[in-house]
Amino acid sequence: MYQQIMEQIKQRIAVGDWPPHTPLPSVRELAVEIKVSVITIKRAYLELAREGVIVTQQGKGSWVNDVLDMKVLQREELMQHLEQAGKLAKSLGLPEEKILQLLKQFME
């Protein structure tokens, strides 16, 4: 569960919803908002801090790291979406040429 929360936070940062130095909700606020335990949120924040995505200071809260390499985060987000799209295309039996054609359509 904490990994899903991490991915959702990374996604919000990658798409620009939470730019660098944006304060994150407190652990308790987020736990109540999404109806999970405080421990789950603490774990997600701890892992995000270890990855350098957020900064946390005792008594001051957590915020998006202002020295975060947004290109790396955006690339990771893109790779996750492409992986999901690839799996879905495979399950639909779409040929590679059709997938590439569709991708090119969205890049124009």
Protein backbone atom coordinates (compact mmCIF):
# COMPACT_ATOMS: atom_id res chain seq x y z
CA MET A 1 0.00 0.00 0.00
CA TYR A 2 2.80 2.43 0.85
CA GLN A 3 4.29 1.85 -2.61
CA GLN A 4 1.01 2.90 -4.23
CA ILE A 5 1.02 6.06 -2.15
CA MET A 6 4.62 6.72 -3.19
CA GLU A 7 3.72 6.30 -6.85
CA GLN A 8 0.74 8.62 -6.54
CA ILE A 9 2.88 11.31 -4.91
CA LYS A 10 5.58 10.91 -7.57
CA GLN A 11 2.94 11.17 -10.27
CA ARG A 12 1.56 14.41 -8.83
CA ILE A 13 5.07 15.83 -8.74
CA ALA A 14 5.95 14.61 -12.24
CA VAL A 15 2.87 16.16 -13.85
CA GLY A 16 3.41 19.45 -12.06
CA ASP A 17 0.57 19.32 -9.54
CA TRP A 18 3.13 19.60 -6.75
CA PRO A 19 6.13 21.67 -7.93
CA PRO A 20 9.41 21.83 -5.97
CA HIS A 21 9.11 23.13 -2.40
CA THR A 22 5.35 22.42 -2.25
CA PRO A 23 4.38 21.35 1.27
CA LEU A 24 2.88 17.88 1.48
CA PRO A 25 -0.06 17.07 3.74
CA SER A 26 0.98 16.00 7.22
CA VAL A 27 1.20 12.28 7.85
CA ARG A 28 -1.98 12.37 9.91
CA GLU A 29 -3.89 14.52 7.41
CA LEU A 30 -3.04 12.24 4.51
CA ALA A 31 -3.81 9.11 6.53
CA VAL A 32 -7.29 10.42 7.35
CA GLU A 33 -7.86 11.70 3.80
CA ILE A 34 -7.10 8.40 2.06
CA LYS A 35 -8.20 6.18 4.94
CA VAL A 36 -4.98 4.31 5.67
CA SER A 37 -2.88 3.98 8.80
CA VAL A 38 -0.42 6.64 9.89
CA ILE A 39 2.30 3.98 9.76
CA THR A 40 1.65 3.41 6.05
CA ILE A 41 2.00 7.13 5.28
CA LYS A 42 5.12 7.40 7.44
CA ARG A 43 6.69 4.52 5.51
CA ALA A 44 5.83 6.13 2.16
CA TYR A 45 7.28 9.49 3.25
CA LEU A 46 10.40 7.81 4.63
CA GLU A 47 11.03 5.97 1.36
CA LEU A 48 10.38 9.11 -0.70
CA ALA A 49 12.85 10.99 1.49
CA ARG A 50 15.44 8.23 1.00
CA GLU A 51 14.97 8.54 -2.75
CA GLY A 52 15.42 12.30 -2.53
CA VAL A 53 11.94 13.05 -3.84
CA ILE A 54 10.82 14.85 -0.68
CA VAL A 55 12.47 16.50 2.31
CA THR A 56 11.16 15.91 5.82
CA GLN A 57 12.08 17.85 8.94
CA GLN A 58 10.80 16.95 12.37
CA GLY A 59 8.29 19.57 13.48
CA LYS A 60 8.29 21.34 10.10
CA GLY A 61 6.67 18.73 7.89
CA SER A 62 7.51 17.43 4.43
CA TRP A 63 7.79 19.13 1.07
CA VAL A 64 8.84 18.38 -2.50
CA ASN A 65 12.62 18.54 -2.79
CA ASP A 66 13.65 21.70 -4.59
CA VAL A 67 16.76 20.07 -6.04
CA LEU A 68 14.77 17.22 -7.52
CA ASP A 69 15.67 16.24 -11.08
CA MET A 70 12.23 16.54 -12.64
CA LYS A 71 13.35 14.97 -15.93
CA VAL A 72 14.30 11.75 -14.14
CA LEU A 73 11.00 11.66 -12.28
CA GLN A 74 9.03 12.39 -15.45
CA ARG A 75 10.95 9.70 -17.34
CA GLU A 76 10.12 7.16 -14.61
CA GLU A 77 6.46 8.17 -14.83
CA LEU A 78 6.50 7.79 -18.61
CA MET A 79 8.11 4.35 -18.35
CA GLN A 80 5.40 3.15 -15.97
CA HIS A 81 2.67 4.34 -18.33
CA LEU A 82 4.38 2.74 -21.32
CA GLU A 83 4.74 -0.53 -19.43
CA GLN A 84 1.03 -0.54 -18.61
CA ALA A 85 0.14 0.40 -22.19
CA GLY A 86 2.38 -2.36 -23.54
CA LYS A 87 0.77 -4.98 -21.33
CA LEU A 88 -2.70 -3.82 -22.33
CA ALA A 89 -1.79 -3.79 -26.04
CA LYS A 90 -0.38 -7.31 -25.73
CA SER A 91 -3.56 -8.55 -24.03
CA LEU A 92 -5.57 -7.02 -26.89
CA GLY A 93 -3.32 -8.69 -29.46
CA LEU A 94 -2.34 -5.42 -31.13
CA PRO A 95 0.63 -5.71 -33.50
CA GLU A 96 3.72 -3.63 -32.76
CA GLU A 97 3.18 -1.51 -35.88
CA LYS A 98 -0.28 -0.45 -34.67
CA ILE A 99 1.05 0.42 -31.23
CA LEU A 100 3.81 2.57 -32.74
CA GLN A 101 1.27 4.24 -35.04
CA LEU A 102 -0.94 5.12 -32.07
CA LEU A 103 2.02 6.42 -30.08
CA LYS A 104 3.11 8.64 -32.98
CA GLN A 105 -0.45 9.98 -33.21
CA PHE A 106 -0.24 11.25 -29.62
CA MET A 107 3.17 12.83 -30.16
CA GLU A 108 2.02 15.08 -33.00
